[in-house]
C-alpha cells in the first residue's frame, strides 16, 4: 500500500510559478513510476507528466512544466512555470507499481491561475 499526499497548490497570477510536491509513504518509492494528472471543472482527468524509466510531458505544458523525483525523500515534484488560466485544475499525483502495476492516487491539490 502506498499513501500519496500532494501539496504546493494555491492561487497564482498568470505568468507565475508553482511547485507541487507529492510525498509518498508505505513502500519502496523507487519501485514506482510516478505521474501528475489534472482535472479541470467539467472536464475529464488528463495526463500532465510522467517519470519512470523515461520522462513524458503533455504537449500542452511542454517547455513550462518539469517533473522530477527524489527517491531519498520519497517525493515527486511538478515545477510549473508561466502558468496560464487554463492550467486551473485539481492536480493529482499517481504512483504505479513497476511490479504488478497497482495504481495509487493522492487526494489532489487545487491550483488556481488568475488572469
Protein backbone atom coordinates (compact mmCIF):
# COMPACT_ATOMS: atom_id res chain seq x y z
CA UNK A 1 0.00 0.00 0.00
CA UNK A 2 1.21 3.49 -0.86
CA UNK A 3 -0.16 6.73 0.55
CA UNK A 4 0.29 9.88 -1.51
CA UNK A 5 -0.22 13.45 -0.34
CA UNK A 6 0.09 16.42 -2.64
CA UNK A 7 0.99 19.94 -1.54
CA UNK A 8 2.03 23.25 -3.04
CA UNK A 9 -1.18 24.25 -4.78
CA UNK A 10 -2.72 27.67 -4.44
CA UNK A 11 -3.66 30.86 -6.22
CA UNK A 12 -1.21 32.47 -8.63
CA UNK A 13 -1.43 35.11 -11.32
CA UNK A 14 -0.95 34.21 -14.96
CA UNK A 15 2.74 34.05 -15.75
CA UNK A 16 3.62 32.94 -12.25
CA UNK A 17 5.06 29.69 -10.97
CA UNK A 18 4.17 26.98 -8.50
CA UNK A 19 5.98 23.84 -7.43
CA UNK A 20 3.82 20.91 -6.45
CA UNK A 21 5.12 18.15 -4.23
CA UNK A 22 3.81 14.66 -3.67
CA UNK A 23 5.10 12.78 -0.67
CA UNK A 24 4.74 9.02 -0.63
CA UNK A 25 4.83 6.58 2.23
CA UNK A 26 4.36 2.90 2.62
CA UNK A 27 6.55 1.11 0.11
CA UNK A 28 9.85 1.37 -1.72
CA UNK A 29 9.44 4.56 -3.69
CA UNK A 30 11.95 3.66 -6.36
CA UNK A 31 9.77 0.71 -7.44
CA UNK A 32 7.09 3.06 -8.73
CA UNK A 33 6.56 5.06 -11.86
CA UNK A 34 5.16 8.45 -10.91
CA UNK A 35 2.92 10.89 -12.63
CA UNK A 36 0.86 14.02 -12.38
CA UNK A 37 -2.66 14.38 -13.73
CA UNK A 38 -5.17 17.19 -13.51
CA UNK A 39 -8.89 17.67 -13.69
CA UNK A 40 -10.49 20.99 -14.51
CA UNK A 41 -14.13 21.73 -13.67
CA UNK A 42 -16.44 19.93 -16.06
CA UNK A 43 -13.61 18.07 -17.75
CA UNK A 44 -12.12 14.61 -17.53
CA UNK A 45 -8.88 13.92 -15.71
CA UNK A 46 -5.95 14.33 -18.08
CA UNK A 47 -2.29 13.38 -18.13
CA UNK A 48 0.28 16.05 -17.33
CA UNK A 49 3.64 14.37 -16.73
CA UNK A 50 5.27 11.01 -16.02
CA UNK A 51 8.63 9.95 -14.65
CA UNK A 52 9.88 6.40 -14.54
CA UNK A 53 12.46 4.86 -16.81
CA UNK A 54 11.73 7.80 -19.10
CA UNK A 55 10.06 11.15 -18.72
CA UNK A 56 6.98 12.33 -20.60
CA UNK A 57 5.36 15.74 -20.55
CA UNK A 58 2.00 16.56 -22.11
CA UNK A 59 2.33 18.70 -25.22
CA UNK A 60 0.08 21.36 -23.70
CA UNK A 61 2.58 22.07 -20.93
CA UNK A 62 5.86 21.06 -22.53
CA UNK A 63 8.52 23.72 -22.04
CA UNK A 64 6.71 25.16 -19.00
CA UNK A 65 6.28 22.19 -16.65
CA UNK A 66 9.01 19.89 -15.35
CA UNK A 67 8.64 16.65 -13.41
CA UNK A 68 11.34 15.35 -11.08
CA UNK A 69 11.69 12.89 -8.23
CA UNK A 70 13.82 12.44 -5.14
CA UNK A 71 13.81 8.79 -4.13
CA UNK A 72 15.64 9.55 -0.89
CA UNK A 73 12.80 11.85 0.15
CA UNK A 74 10.04 9.68 -1.39
CA UNK A 75 8.82 12.76 -3.20
CA UNK A 76 7.88 13.66 -6.75
CA UNK A 77 7.68 17.26 -7.89
CA UNK A 78 5.96 19.24 -10.61
CA UNK A 79 7.54 22.60 -11.34
CA UNK A 80 5.05 24.76 -13.18
CA UNK A 81 6.25 27.97 -14.83
CA UNK A 82 4.49 30.59 -16.92
CA UNK A 83 1.13 29.40 -15.67
CA UNK A 84 -1.99 30.17 -17.65
CA UNK A 85 -5.63 30.42 -16.54
CA UNK A 86 -6.39 27.21 -18.46
CA UNK A 87 -3.99 25.40 -16.11
CA UNK A 88 -6.52 25.86 -13.31
CA UNK A 89 -7.42 22.39 -12.04
CA UNK A 90 -7.06 19.92 -9.25
CA UNK A 91 -3.68 18.27 -9.68
CA UNK A 92 -3.32 14.63 -8.69
CA UNK A 93 -0.25 12.56 -8.01
CA UNK A 94 -0.19 8.98 -9.28
CA UNK A 95 2.09 6.08 -8.44
CA UNK A 96 2.09 2.87 -10.44
CA UNK A 97 3.99 -0.13 -9.22
CA UNK A 98 6.57 -1.45 -11.68
CA UNK A 99 5.88 -4.86 -10.14
CA UNK A 100 2.25 -5.77 -10.71
CA UNK A 101 1.01 -2.41 -11.96
CA UNK A 102 -1.09 -1.41 -8.94
CA UNK A 103 -2.22 2.21 -9.15
CA UNK A 104 -2.36 4.73 -6.31
CA UNK A 105 -3.71 8.27 -6.24
CA UNK A 106 -3.40 11.20 -3.91
CA UNK A 107 -6.39 13.34 -2.89
CA UNK A 108 -5.27 16.22 -5.12
CA UNK A 109 -4.24 19.83 -4.67
CA UNK A 110 -6.06 22.80 -6.16
CA UNK A 111 -4.24 25.16 -8.49
CA UNK A 112 -5.97 28.39 -9.48
CA UNK A 113 -4.43 30.71 -12.05
CA UNK A 114 -5.98 34.16 -12.34
CA UNK A 115 -5.82 36.26 -15.49
